[in-house]
Amino acid sequence: MTDSRLSLPDFSALMVLAIEAREISNSELKQRHKMTIDGSRRIRLNELKLVESVKPGRAYVHVLTDAGWVRLAEDLRAGRIPPQSGSSGAMAGALLGWLPRFMERNDLRLSEVFQPDEDEAGPGDPSDDLEARIRAAYSRVAAEPGTWVTLTELRRVLGEAPKDRVDEALVRMERLPDVNLVPESNQKTLTPEDREAAVIIGAQAKHLLWIGRP
């Protein structure tokens, strides 16, 4: 693209994803922030590699990429904030102008200002939300659908998601036709982290996850 300057809708999408600091679906974005990332906006932000979007089910799930965090922080520091009108625009501009000064005074990165709230209960069925997060994490790790990935890699991407809840979700997902979990065939290659990351299904430790095309 010849012009990568962010429009107000683009900038707003990055800002909301930074505030959430996690994978979030279009349906949840609409419920929480009265917006979605779809159509030309999603395509543009994906092509700029600022947002990663996957579609594990019926709705897209989005997450801010490392490049997205960097770009947003750079634009805030440089004052490259799309113009906004009215009193609400003045208030937003003042807050966004204050944010980089606050970060500089406290020696903080943008990703340290915005952290996911692990105690916050999201809307809808929590098990469905966790399955969507697992599928999104798999898509980030796997080169393509139908690739085996280790649960060690998967849990790193999931971050602070409680192990027992992830285990429960994996046990449920293993019954689905597009999901498979197996033990590592060469047990000698397993590290202590690999063994800790395993999920026990039928008294057997499973270390590898496979998810096909939905």
N, C-alpha and C. Protein backbone atom coordinates (compact mmCIF):
# COMPACT_ATOMS: atom_id res chain seq x y z
N MET A 1 0.84 -1.19 0.00
CA MET A 1 0.00 0.00 0.00
C MET A 1 0.88 1.24 0.00
N THR A 2 0.47 2.23 -0.78
CA THR A 2 1.30 3.41 -0.89
C THR A 2 1.12 4.34 0.29
N ASP A 3 -0.07 4.33 0.88
CA ASP A 3 -0.34 5.22 2.00
C ASP A 3 -0.71 4.40 3.22
N SER A 4 0.19 4.35 4.19
CA SER A 4 -0.06 3.54 5.38
C SER A 4 -0.46 4.41 6.56
N ARG A 5 -0.72 5.69 6.30
CA ARG A 5 -1.17 6.55 7.39
C ARG A 5 -2.52 6.05 7.89
N LEU A 6 -2.68 6.01 9.19
CA LEU A 6 -3.88 5.43 9.77
C LEU A 6 -5.05 6.40 9.74
N SER A 7 -6.18 5.91 9.29
CA SER A 7 -7.41 6.69 9.37
C SER A 7 -7.94 6.60 10.81
N LEU A 8 -8.96 7.39 11.10
CA LEU A 8 -9.54 7.33 12.44
C LEU A 8 -10.11 5.95 12.76
N PRO A 9 -10.84 5.28 11.83
CA PRO A 9 -11.30 3.92 12.13
C PRO A 9 -10.16 2.94 12.36
N ASP A 10 -9.06 3.05 11.55
CA ASP A 10 -7.90 2.18 11.75
C ASP A 10 -7.28 2.41 13.12
N PHE A 11 -7.04 3.68 13.43
CA PHE A 11 -6.41 4.04 14.70
C PHE A 11 -7.27 3.58 15.87
N SER A 12 -8.58 3.77 15.75
CA SER A 12 -9.50 3.36 16.81
C SER A 12 -9.44 1.86 17.04
N ALA A 13 -9.36 1.09 15.94
CA ALA A 13 -9.29 -0.36 16.06
C ALA A 13 -8.03 -0.78 16.81
N LEU A 14 -6.88 -0.18 16.46
CA LEU A 14 -5.63 -0.51 17.15
C LEU A 14 -5.71 -0.13 18.62
N MET A 15 -6.30 1.02 18.90
CA MET A 15 -6.38 1.48 20.28
C MET A 15 -7.24 0.54 21.12
N VAL A 16 -8.36 0.11 20.57
CA VAL A 16 -9.25 -0.80 21.30
C VAL A 16 -8.56 -2.15 21.53
N LEU A 17 -7.85 -2.66 20.52
CA LEU A 17 -7.14 -3.93 20.69
C LEU A 17 -6.02 -3.81 21.72
N ALA A 18 -5.37 -2.65 21.77
CA ALA A 18 -4.34 -2.43 22.79
C ALA A 18 -4.96 -2.42 24.18
N ILE A 19 -6.08 -1.75 24.33
CA ILE A 19 -6.75 -1.68 25.63
C ILE A 19 -7.18 -3.07 26.08
N GLU A 20 -7.69 -3.88 25.16
CA GLU A 20 -8.09 -5.25 25.52
C GLU A 20 -6.87 -6.13 25.78
N ALA A 21 -5.79 -5.93 25.01
CA ALA A 21 -4.52 -6.66 25.21
C ALA A 21 -4.70 -8.17 25.19
N ARG A 22 -5.52 -8.65 24.28
CA ARG A 22 -5.78 -10.09 24.18
C ARG A 22 -6.51 -10.35 22.86
N GLU A 23 -6.69 -11.65 22.54
CA GLU A 23 -7.53 -11.97 21.39
C GLU A 23 -8.98 -11.65 21.73
N ILE A 24 -9.68 -11.07 20.78
CA ILE A 24 -11.07 -10.70 21.04
C ILE A 24 -11.87 -10.85 19.75
N SER A 25 -13.06 -11.39 19.86
CA SER A 25 -13.90 -11.65 18.69
C SER A 25 -14.68 -10.41 18.28
N ASN A 26 -15.16 -10.41 17.04
CA ASN A 26 -15.99 -9.31 16.57
C ASN A 26 -17.25 -9.15 17.41
N SER A 27 -17.85 -10.28 17.80
CA SER A 27 -19.07 -10.19 18.60
C SER A 27 -18.81 -9.54 19.95
N GLU A 28 -17.66 -9.84 20.55
CA GLU A 28 -17.32 -9.22 21.84
C GLU A 28 -16.95 -7.76 21.65
N LEU A 29 -16.25 -7.44 20.56
CA LEU A 29 -15.93 -6.04 20.26
C LEU A 29 -17.21 -5.21 20.12
N LYS A 30 -18.19 -5.80 19.44
CA LYS A 30 -19.45 -5.08 19.25
C LYS A 30 -20.17 -4.86 20.57
N GLN A 31 -20.13 -5.88 21.43
CA GLN A 31 -20.83 -5.77 22.71
C GLN A 31 -20.13 -4.80 23.65
N ARG A 32 -18.80 -4.84 23.66
CA ARG A 32 -18.04 -4.04 24.62
C ARG A 32 -17.74 -2.63 24.12
N HIS A 33 -17.50 -2.49 22.80
CA HIS A 33 -17.01 -1.21 22.28
C HIS A 33 -17.84 -0.66 21.12
N LYS A 34 -18.94 -1.31 20.78
CA LYS A 34 -19.82 -0.83 19.71
C LYS A 34 -19.10 -0.72 18.38
N MET A 35 -18.18 -1.65 18.10
CA MET A 35 -17.44 -1.63 16.85
C MET A 35 -17.07 -3.06 16.46
N THR A 36 -16.76 -3.26 15.19
CA THR A 36 -16.20 -4.52 14.71
C THR A 36 -15.03 -4.20 13.78
N ILE A 37 -14.19 -5.20 13.57
CA ILE A 37 -13.08 -5.05 12.63
C ILE A 37 -13.36 -6.01 11.49
N ASP A 38 -13.95 -5.51 10.42
CA ASP A 38 -14.31 -6.37 9.31
C ASP A 38 -14.21 -5.61 8.00
N GLY A 39 -14.48 -6.33 6.92
CA GLY A 39 -14.45 -5.70 5.60
C GLY A 39 -13.10 -5.11 5.25
N SER A 40 -13.12 -3.94 4.64
CA SER A 40 -11.88 -3.31 4.17
C SER A 40 -10.97 -2.92 5.33
N ARG A 41 -11.54 -2.60 6.48
CA ARG A 41 -10.70 -2.24 7.63
C ARG A 41 -9.86 -3.44 8.07
N ARG A 42 -10.49 -4.61 8.19
CA ARG A 42 -9.74 -5.80 8.58
C ARG A 42 -8.66 -6.13 7.55
N ILE A 43 -9.03 -6.09 6.27
CA ILE A 43 -8.07 -6.42 5.21
C ILE A 43 -6.89 -5.46 5.26
N ARG A 44 -7.16 -4.17 5.41
CA ARG A 44 -6.09 -3.17 5.44
C ARG A 44 -5.15 -3.41 6.63
N LEU A 45 -5.70 -3.60 7.82
CA LEU A 45 -4.87 -3.79 9.01
C LEU A 45 -4.11 -5.11 8.96
N ASN A 46 -4.71 -6.14 8.35
CA ASN A 46 -4.01 -7.40 8.16
C ASN A 46 -2.85 -7.24 7.18
N GLU A 47 -3.10 -6.53 6.07
CA GLU A 47 -2.05 -6.34 5.06
C GLU A 47 -0.90 -5.51 5.61
N LEU A 48 -1.22 -4.56 6.49
CA LEU A 48 -0.17 -3.76 7.13
C LEU A 48 0.53 -4.53 8.24
N LYS A 49 0.03 -5.74 8.54
CA LYS A 49 0.58 -6.62 9.58
C LYS A 49 0.51 -5.97 10.97
N LEU A 50 -0.50 -5.14 11.16
CA LEU A 50 -0.72 -4.50 12.46
C LEU A 50 -1.71 -5.30 13.31
N VAL A 51 -2.56 -6.05 12.66
CA VAL A 51 -3.56 -6.87 13.34
C VAL A 51 -3.55 -8.25 12.71
N GLU A 52 -3.63 -9.27 13.55
CA GLU A 52 -3.77 -10.65 13.06
C GLU A 52 -5.21 -11.09 13.31
N SER A 53 -5.85 -11.60 12.27
CA SER A 53 -7.25 -12.01 12.36
C SER A 53 -7.38 -13.46 11.91
N VAL A 54 -8.07 -14.26 12.70
CA VAL A 54 -8.36 -15.64 12.32
C VAL A 54 -9.85 -15.87 12.50
N LYS A 55 -10.36 -16.90 11.84
CA LYS A 55 -11.79 -17.20 11.92
C LYS A 55 -11.97 -18.63 12.39
N PRO A 56 -11.87 -18.87 13.71
CA PRO A 56 -11.99 -20.23 14.23
C PRO A 56 -13.39 -20.79 14.13
N GLY A 57 -14.38 -19.94 14.04
CA GLY A 57 -15.77 -20.37 13.94
C GLY A 57 -16.52 -19.47 13.00
N ARG A 58 -17.63 -18.92 13.48
CA ARG A 58 -18.43 -18.03 12.63
C ARG A 58 -17.95 -16.59 12.69
N ALA A 59 -17.20 -16.22 13.72
CA ALA A 59 -16.78 -14.83 13.90
C ALA A 59 -15.26 -14.72 13.88
N TYR A 60 -14.76 -13.61 13.34
CA TYR A 60 -13.32 -13.35 13.37
C TYR A 60 -12.87 -13.05 14.79
N VAL A 61 -11.64 -13.47 15.08
CA VAL A 61 -10.97 -13.13 16.34
C VAL A 61 -9.73 -12.33 15.97
N HIS A 62 -9.50 -11.22 16.65
CA HIS A 62 -8.40 -10.31 16.31
C HIS A 62 -7.45 -10.15 17.49
N VAL A 63 -6.19 -9.88 17.16
CA VAL A 63 -5.21 -9.55 18.18
C VAL A 63 -4.21 -8.57 17.58
N LEU A 64 -3.73 -7.66 18.40
CA LEU A 64 -2.73 -6.69 17.96
C LEU A 64 -1.39 -7.40 17.83
N THR A 65 -0.73 -7.26 16.69
CA THR A 65 0.58 -7.88 16.50
C THR A 65 1.67 -7.04 17.18
N ASP A 66 2.88 -7.60 17.24
CA ASP A 66 4.01 -6.83 17.78
C ASP A 66 4.20 -5.55 16.98
N ALA A 67 4.08 -5.66 15.65
CA ALA A 67 4.21 -4.47 14.80
C ALA A 67 3.09 -3.47 15.09
N GLY A 68 1.91 -3.98 15.43
CA GLY A 68 0.80 -3.10 15.78
C GLY A 68 1.07 -2.32 17.05
N TRP A 69 1.62 -3.00 18.06
CA TRP A 69 1.98 -2.30 19.30
C TRP A 69 3.01 -1.21 19.02
N VAL A 70 4.03 -1.56 18.20
CA VAL A 70 5.09 -0.59 17.89
C VAL A 70 4.52 0.60 17.13
N ARG A 71 3.71 0.34 16.11
CA ARG A 71 3.15 1.42 15.29
C ARG A 71 2.27 2.34 16.13
N LEU A 72 1.43 1.77 16.98
CA LEU A 72 0.54 2.58 17.80
C LEU A 72 1.35 3.46 18.75
N ALA A 73 2.38 2.87 19.37
CA ALA A 73 3.21 3.65 20.29
C ALA A 73 3.94 4.77 19.55
N GLU A 74 4.45 4.48 18.35
CA GLU A 74 5.15 5.50 17.56
C GLU A 74 4.20 6.65 17.18
N ASP A 75 3.00 6.30 16.74
CA ASP A 75 2.04 7.33 16.35
C ASP A 75 1.64 8.20 17.54
N LEU A 76 1.48 7.59 18.70
CA LEU A 76 1.13 8.36 19.90
C LEU A 76 2.26 9.31 20.27
N ARG A 77 3.51 8.81 20.24
CA ARG A 77 4.66 9.66 20.60
C ARG A 77 4.82 10.81 19.61
N ALA A 78 4.57 10.54 18.33
CA ALA A 78 4.75 11.56 17.29
C ALA A 78 3.53 12.47 17.15
N GLY A 79 2.49 12.19 17.90
CA GLY A 79 1.28 13.00 17.79
C GLY A 79 0.51 12.76 16.51
N ARG A 80 0.73 11.60 15.87
CA ARG A 80 0.01 11.28 14.63
C ARG A 80 -1.35 10.67 14.98
N ILE A 81 -2.19 11.50 15.54
CA ILE A 81 -3.53 11.07 15.96
C ILE A 81 -4.54 11.63 14.97
N PRO A 82 -5.35 10.80 14.35
CA PRO A 82 -6.33 11.31 13.38
C PRO A 82 -7.23 12.36 14.01
N PRO A 83 -7.53 13.42 13.28
CA PRO A 83 -8.36 14.49 13.83
C PRO A 83 -9.76 14.00 14.19
N GLN A 84 -10.27 14.54 15.29
CA GLN A 84 -11.61 14.20 15.76
C GLN A 84 -12.34 15.51 16.05
N SER A 85 -13.64 15.50 15.91
CA SER A 85 -14.40 16.74 16.06
C SER A 85 -15.23 16.73 17.33
N GLY A 86 -15.66 17.91 17.72
CA GLY A 86 -16.57 18.04 18.85
C GLY A 86 -15.88 17.92 20.19
N SER A 87 -16.68 18.02 21.25
CA SER A 87 -16.13 17.97 22.60
C SER A 87 -15.57 16.59 22.92
N SER A 88 -16.21 15.53 22.40
CA SER A 88 -15.68 14.18 22.65
C SER A 88 -14.33 14.00 21.97
N GLY A 89 -14.16 14.60 20.77
CA GLY A 89 -12.87 14.55 20.09
C GLY A 89 -11.80 15.30 20.85
N ALA A 90 -12.17 16.45 21.43
CA ALA A 90 -11.21 17.21 22.23
C ALA A 90 -10.77 16.42 23.45
N MET A 91 -11.72 15.76 24.10
CA MET A 91 -11.39 14.96 25.28
C MET A 91 -10.49 13.79 24.91
N ALA A 92 -10.83 13.08 23.81
CA ALA A 92 -10.01 11.95 23.37
C ALA A 92 -8.61 12.42 22.99
N GLY A 93 -8.52 13.56 22.28
CA GLY A 93 -7.22 14.09 21.89
C GLY A 93 -6.36 14.44 23.09
N ALA A 94 -6.99 15.01 24.11
CA ALA A 94 -6.24 15.36 25.32
C ALA A 94 -5.71 14.12 26.02
N LEU A 95 -6.53 13.09 26.12
CA LEU A 95 -6.10 11.85 26.78
C LEU A 95 -4.99 11.16 25.99
N LEU A 96 -5.14 11.12 24.66
CA LEU A 96 -4.13 10.47 23.83
C LEU A 96 -2.84 11.27 23.78
N GLY A 97 -2.93 12.58 23.94
CA GLY A 97 -1.73 13.40 24.03
C GLY A 97 -1.02 13.23 25.36
N TRP A 98 -1.80 13.00 26.42
CA TRP A 98 -1.22 12.79 27.75
C TRP A 98 -0.55 11.43 27.89
N LEU A 99 -1.10 10.41 27.21
CA LEU A 99 -0.62 9.04 27.39
C LEU A 99 0.88 8.87 27.13
N PRO A 100 1.44 9.34 26.00
CA PRO A 100 2.88 9.15 25.79
C PRO A 100 3.73 9.89 26.82
N ARG A 101 3.27 11.04 27.32
CA ARG A 101 4.02 11.74 28.36
C ARG A 101 4.03 10.93 29.65
N PHE A 102 2.90 10.34 29.97
CA PHE A 102 2.81 9.47 31.15
C PHE A 102 3.76 8.28 31.01
N MET A 103 3.81 7.67 29.82
CA MET A 103 4.69 6.52 29.58
C MET A 103 6.15 6.91 29.73
N GLU A 104 6.50 8.09 29.21
CA GLU A 104 7.89 8.54 29.29
C GLU A 104 8.30 8.83 30.73
N ARG A 105 7.42 9.50 31.47
CA ARG A 105 7.73 9.82 32.87
C ARG A 105 7.93 8.57 33.72
N ASN A 106 7.18 7.53 33.41
CA ASN A 106 7.22 6.31 34.21
C ASN A 106 8.01 5.18 33.55
N ASP A 107 8.68 5.51 32.43
CA ASP A 107 9.51 4.54 31.72
C ASP A 107 8.72 3.27 31.41
N LEU A 108 7.57 3.44 30.80
CA LEU A 108 6.68 2.33 30.49
C LEU A 108 6.51 2.18 28.98
N ARG A 109 6.37 0.94 28.54
CA ARG A 109 5.96 0.66 27.17
C ARG A 109 4.44 0.60 27.12
N LEU A 110 3.90 0.74 25.92
CA LEU A 110 2.45 0.73 25.78
C LEU A 110 1.86 -0.60 26.27
N SER A 111 2.56 -1.70 25.98
CA SER A 111 2.07 -3.02 26.40
C SER A 111 2.13 -3.21 27.91
N GLU A 112 2.87 -2.34 28.60
CA GLU A 112 2.90 -2.40 30.06
C GLU A 112 1.79 -1.55 30.68
N VAL A 113 1.29 -0.60 29.91
CA VAL A 113 0.18 0.22 30.39
C VAL A 113 -1.12 -0.56 30.30
N PHE A 114 -1.30 -1.26 29.18
CA PHE A 114 -2.53 -2.03 28.95
C PHE A 114 -2.26 -3.51 29.15
N GLN A 115 -2.92 -4.10 30.11
CA GLN A 115 -2.77 -5.51 30.43
C GLN A 115 -4.15 -6.17 30.42
N PRO A 116 -4.23 -7.45 29.99
CA PRO A 116 -5.53 -8.13 30.04
C PRO A 116 -5.96 -8.35 31.48
N ASP A 117 -7.24 -8.22 31.72
CA ASP A 117 -7.80 -8.43 33.05
C ASP A 117 -8.21 -9.88 33.17
N GLU A 118 -7.40 -10.69 33.87
CA GLU A 118 -7.67 -12.12 33.97
C GLU A 118 -8.90 -12.41 34.81
N ASP A 119 -9.28 -11.49 35.70
CA ASP A 119 -10.42 -11.74 36.58
C ASP A 119 -11.74 -11.32 35.97
N GLU A 120 -11.67 -10.65 34.82
CA GLU A 120 -12.90 -10.16 34.22
C GLU A 120 -13.61 -11.26 33.47
N ALA A 121 -14.88 -11.42 33.74
CA ALA A 121 -15.68 -12.45 33.06
C ALA A 121 -16.20 -11.88 31.76
N GLY A 122 -15.88 -12.50 30.64
CA GLY A 122 -16.34 -12.04 29.35
C GLY A 122 -17.78 -12.46 29.12
N PRO A 123 -18.44 -11.84 28.15
CA PRO A 123 -19.83 -12.19 27.86
C PRO A 123 -19.93 -13.57 27.23
N GLY A 124 -21.10 -14.19 27.37
CA GLY A 124 -21.33 -15.48 26.74
C GLY A 124 -20.77 -16.62 27.57
N ASP A 125 -20.74 -17.81 26.96
CA ASP A 125 -20.27 -19.01 27.64
C ASP A 125 -18.75 -18.97 27.73
N PRO A 126 -18.16 -19.02 28.95
CA PRO A 126 -16.70 -18.95 29.09
C PRO A 126 -16.00 -20.08 28.35
N SER A 127 -16.61 -21.28 28.30
CA SER A 127 -15.96 -22.40 27.62
C SER A 127 -15.86 -22.14 26.12
N ASP A 128 -16.91 -21.51 25.53
CA ASP A 128 -16.86 -21.16 24.11
C ASP A 128 -15.77 -20.14 23.85
N ASP A 129 -15.64 -19.15 24.74
CA ASP A 129 -14.62 -18.12 24.59
C ASP A 129 -13.23 -18.73 24.66
N LEU A 130 -13.01 -19.68 25.58
CA LEU A 130 -11.70 -20.29 25.72
C LEU A 130 -11.39 -21.17 24.51
N GLU A 131 -12.39 -21.86 23.99
CA GLU A 131 -12.15 -22.65 22.78
C GLU A 131 -11.73 -21.73 21.63
N ALA A 132 -12.39 -20.58 21.50
CA ALA A 132 -12.02 -19.63 20.45
C ALA A 132 -10.58 -19.15 20.65
N ARG A 133 -10.19 -18.91 21.90
CA ARG A 133 -8.82 -18.47 22.18
C ARG A 133 -7.82 -19.57 21.83
N ILE A 134 -8.16 -20.83 22.15
CA ILE A 134 -7.26 -21.94 21.82
C ILE A 134 -7.11 -22.07 20.31
N ARG A 135 -8.22 -21.96 19.59
CA ARG A 135 -8.15 -22.06 18.13
C ARG A 135 -7.35 -20.90 17.54
N ALA A 136 -7.52 -19.70 18.10
CA ALA A 136 -6.76 -18.55 17.62
C ALA A 136 -5.28 -18.73 17.92
N ALA A 137 -4.96 -19.25 19.12
CA ALA A 137 -3.56 -19.49 19.49
C ALA A 137 -2.95 -20.54 18.57
N TYR A 138 -3.70 -21.59 18.27
CA TYR A 138 -3.22 -22.62 17.35
C TYR A 138 -2.89 -22.01 15.99
N SER A 139 -3.78 -21.15 15.49
CA SER A 139 -3.56 -20.52 14.18
C SER A 139 -2.31 -19.67 14.16
N ARG A 140 -1.96 -19.09 15.31
CA ARG A 140 -0.75 -18.26 15.37
C ARG A 140 0.51 -19.12 15.37
N VAL A 141 0.42 -20.33 15.96
CA VAL A 141 1.60 -21.19 16.06
C VAL A 141 1.77 -22.06 14.82
N ALA A 142 0.67 -22.62 14.32
CA ALA A 142 0.73 -23.57 13.21
C ALA A 142 0.99 -22.85 11.89
N ALA A 143 1.80 -23.47 11.05
CA ALA A 143 2.08 -22.89 9.73
C ALA A 143 0.82 -22.89 8.87
N GLU A 144 -0.03 -23.89 9.05
CA GLU A 144 -1.29 -24.00 8.33
C GLU A 144 -2.19 -24.98 9.07
N PRO A 145 -3.49 -24.97 8.79
CA PRO A 145 -4.37 -25.96 9.43
C PRO A 145 -3.90 -27.38 9.15
N GLY A 146 -4.05 -28.26 10.13
CA GLY A 146 -3.62 -29.64 9.96
C GLY A 146 -2.15 -29.86 10.27
N THR A 147 -1.54 -28.91 10.97
CA THR A 147 -0.14 -29.02 11.40
C THR A 147 -0.11 -29.40 12.88
N TRP A 148 0.77 -30.32 13.25
CA TRP A 148 0.92 -30.67 14.66
C TRP A 148 1.70 -29.58 15.38
N VAL A 149 1.20 -29.15 16.52
CA VAL A 149 1.92 -28.19 17.35
C VAL A 149 1.97 -28.74 18.77
N THR A 150 2.99 -28.35 19.51
CA THR A 150 3.11 -28.82 20.89
C THR A 150 2.22 -28.00 21.81
N LEU A 151 1.73 -28.63 22.86
CA LEU A 151 0.95 -27.89 23.84
C LEU A 151 1.83 -26.88 24.57
N THR A 152 3.13 -27.13 24.59
CA THR A 152 4.05 -26.15 25.18
C THR A 152 3.96 -24.83 24.43
N GLU A 153 4.03 -24.89 23.09
CA GLU A 153 3.92 -23.68 22.28
C GLU A 153 2.55 -23.03 22.45
N LEU A 154 1.52 -23.85 22.45
CA LEU A 154 0.15 -23.34 22.57
C LEU A 154 -0.04 -22.57 23.87
N ARG A 155 0.43 -23.14 24.98
CA ARG A 155 0.23 -22.50 26.29
C ARG A 155 1.02 -21.20 26.39
N ARG A 156 2.16 -21.12 25.73
CA ARG A 156 2.92 -19.87 25.74
C ARG A 156 2.10 -18.75 25.10
N VAL A 157 1.43 -19.06 23.99
CA VAL A 157 0.63 -18.05 23.31
C VAL A 157 -0.60 -17.68 24.13
N LEU A 158 -1.17 -18.66 24.83
CA LEU A 158 -2.36 -18.40 25.65
C LEU A 158 -2.03 -17.56 26.88
N GLY A 159 -0.76 -17.50 27.24
CA GLY A 159 -0.35 -16.64 28.35
C GLY A 159 -0.84 -17.13 29.70
N GLU A 160 -1.57 -16.26 30.40
CA GLU A 160 -1.96 -16.55 31.78
C GLU A 160 -3.27 -17.31 31.91
N ALA A 161 -3.79 -17.85 30.84
CA ALA A 161 -5.03 -18.64 30.95
C ALA A 161 -4.80 -19.80 31.91
N PRO A 162 -5.67 -19.99 32.90
CA PRO A 162 -5.47 -21.03 33.92
C PRO A 162 -5.34 -22.42 33.28
N LYS A 163 -4.33 -23.18 33.73
CA LYS A 163 -4.06 -24.49 33.12
C LYS A 163 -5.25 -25.43 33.24
N ASP A 164 -5.93 -25.42 34.39
CA ASP A 164 -7.04 -26.36 34.56
C ASP A 164 -8.19 -26.05 33.59
N ARG A 165 -8.43 -24.76 33.34
CA ARG A 165 -9.49 -24.39 32.40
C ARG A 165 -9.11 -24.74 30.96
N VAL A 166 -7.83 -24.53 30.62
CA VAL A 166 -7.36 -24.91 29.29
C VAL A 166 -7.46 -26.42 29.11
N ASP A 167 -7.07 -27.17 30.14
CA ASP A 167 -7.16 -28.64 30.08
C ASP A 167 -8.60 -29.08 29.84
N GLU A 168 -9.54 -28.48 30.57
CA GLU A 168 -10.96 -28.84 30.41
C GLU A 168 -11.43 -28.55 28.99
N ALA A 169 -11.01 -27.40 28.45
CA ALA A 169 -11.41 -27.05 27.09
C ALA A 169 -10.80 -28.01 26.07
N LEU A 170 -9.54 -28.40 26.27
CA LEU A 170 -8.89 -29.34 25.35
C LEU A 170 -9.57 -30.71 25.38
N VAL A 171 -9.96 -31.15 26.57
CA VAL A 171 -10.66 -32.44 26.68
C VAL A 171 -11.98 -32.39 25.91
N ARG A 172 -12.71 -31.29 26.03
CA ARG A 172 -13.96 -31.14 25.28
C ARG A 172 -13.70 -31.09 23.77
N MET A 173 -12.69 -30.31 23.38
CA MET A 173 -12.40 -30.13 21.96
C MET A 173 -11.93 -31.42 21.31
N GLU A 174 -11.29 -32.30 22.09
CA GLU A 174 -10.74 -33.53 21.52
C GLU A 174 -11.84 -34.44 20.96
N ARG A 175 -13.07 -34.21 21.38
CA ARG A 175 -14.20 -34.99 20.88
C ARG A 175 -14.71 -34.47 19.54
N LEU A 176 -14.25 -33.30 19.12
CA LEU A 176 -14.71 -32.69 17.88
C LEU A 176 -14.02 -33.33 16.67
N PRO A 177 -14.68 -33.37 15.52
CA PRO A 177 -14.10 -34.05 14.36
C PRO A 177 -12.86 -33.38 13.78
N ASP A 178 -12.69 -32.08 14.03
CA ASP A 178 -11.54 -31.38 13.45
C ASP A 178 -10.39 -31.20 14.44
N VAL A 179 -10.45 -31.89 15.58
CA VAL A 179 -9.42 -31.74 16.62
C VAL A 179 -8.86 -33.10 17.00
N ASN A 180 -7.55 -33.17 17.18
CA ASN A 180 -6.91 -34.42 17.63
C ASN A 180 -5.77 -34.09 18.57
N LEU A 181 -5.63 -34.88 19.61
CA LEU A 181 -4.54 -34.75 20.57
C LEU A 181 -3.87 -36.11 20.72
N VAL A 182 -2.54 -36.13 20.65
CA VAL A 182 -1.80 -37.39 20.75
C VAL A 182 -0.58 -37.21 21.64
N PRO A 183 -0.04 -38.33 22.16
CA PRO A 183 1.21 -38.25 22.91
C PRO A 183 2.38 -38.05 21.94
N GLU A 184 3.48 -37.54 22.45
CA GLU A 184 4.72 -37.47 21.68
C GLU A 184 5.26 -38.90 21.53
N SER A 185 5.50 -39.33 20.29
CA SER A 185 5.94 -40.71 20.06
C SER A 185 7.34 -40.97 20.61
N ASN A 186 8.19 -39.96 20.56
CA ASN A 186 9.55 -40.11 21.09
C ASN A 186 9.62 -39.42 22.45
N GLN A 187 9.31 -40.15 23.49
CA GLN A 187 9.23 -39.57 24.83
C GLN A 187 10.57 -39.02 25.32
N LYS A 188 11.67 -39.50 24.73
CA LYS A 188 12.99 -39.03 25.15
C LYS A 188 13.23 -37.57 24.79
N THR A 189 12.48 -37.06 23.82
CA THR A 189 12.68 -35.67 23.40
C THR A 189 11.94 -34.68 24.29
N LEU A 190 11.08 -35.17 25.16
CA LEU A 190 10.26 -34.28 25.98
C LEU A 190 11.08 -33.58 27.05
N THR A 191 10.88 -32.28 27.15
CA THR A 191 11.51 -31.49 28.21
C THR A 191 10.57 -31.45 29.42
N PRO A 192 11.07 -31.03 30.58
CA PRO A 192 10.17 -30.87 31.73
C PRO A 192 8.99 -29.94 31.42
N GLU A 193 9.23 -28.90 30.61
CA GLU A 193 8.15 -27.99 30.24
C GLU A 193 7.11 -28.70 29.38
N ASP A 194 7.57 -29.57 28.47
CA ASP A 194 6.64 -30.34 27.64
C ASP A 194 5.76 -31.24 28.49
N ARG A 195 6.37 -31.89 29.48
CA ARG A 195 5.60 -32.80 30.34
C ARG A 195 4.59 -32.02 31.18
N GLU A 196 4.99 -30.84 31.64
CA GLU A 196 4.08 -30.01 32.44
C GLU A 196 2.92 -29.50 31.58
N ALA A 197 3.18 -29.25 30.31
CA ALA A 197 2.15 -28.69 29.41
C ALA A 197 1.15 -29.73 28.94
N ALA A 198 1.46 -31.01 29.12
CA ALA A 198 0.59 -32.08 28.62
C ALA A 198 -0.78 -32.03 29.28
N VAL A 199 -1.77 -32.55 28.56
CA VAL A 199 -3.11 -32.70 29.11
C VAL A 199 -3.39 -34.19 29.24
N ILE A 200 -3.98 -34.60 30.35
CA ILE A 200 -4.25 -36.01 30.60
C ILE A 200 -5.66 -36.34 30.10
N ILE A 201 -5.72 -37.27 29.15
CA ILE A 201 -7.01 -37.73 28.61
C ILE A 201 -7.00 -39.25 28.63
N GLY A 202 -7.93 -39.84 29.36
CA GLY A 202 -7.97 -41.30 29.45
C GLY A 202 -6.72 -41.88 30.07
N ALA A 203 -6.21 -41.23 31.11
CA ALA A 203 -5.01 -41.67 31.83
C ALA A 203 -3.75 -41.62 30.96
N GLN A 204 -3.80 -40.90 29.85
CA GLN A 204 -2.64 -40.79 28.96
C GLN A 204 -2.29 -39.33 28.75
N ALA A 205 -1.00 -39.01 28.85
CA ALA A 205 -0.54 -37.64 28.64
C ALA A 205 -0.46 -37.35 27.15
N LYS A 206 -1.14 -36.29 26.73
CA LYS A 206 -1.12 -35.87 25.32
C LYS A 206 -0.29 -34.59 25.20
N HIS A 207 0.61 -34.56 24.22
CA HIS A 207 1.55 -33.45 24.08
C HIS A 207 1.37 -32.64 22.80
N LEU A 208 0.68 -33.20 21.81
CA LEU A 208 0.59 -32.57 20.49
C LEU A 208 -0.87 -32.33 20.11
N LEU A 209 -1.12 -31.18 19.48
CA LEU A 209 -2.47 -30.79 19.06
C LEU A 209 -2.52 -30.61 17.55
N TRP A 210 -3.59 -31.10 16.98
CA TRP A 210 -3.85 -30.96 15.54
C TRP A 210 -5.25 -30.42 15.36
N ILE A 211 -5.40 -29.35 14.60
CA ILE A 211 -6.72 -28.81 14.28
C ILE A 211 -6.80 -28.64 12.77
N GLY A 212 -7.82 -29.23 12.17
CA GLY A 212 -7.99 -29.14 10.73
C GLY A 212 -8.76 -27.89 10.34
N ARG A 213 -9.14 -27.81 9.10
CA ARG A 213 -9.91 -26.65 8.63
C ARG A 213 -11.34 -26.74 9.15
N PRO A 214 -11.90 -25.59 9.63
CA PRO A 214 -13.26 -25.61 10.14
C PRO A 214 -14.26 -25.93 9.03
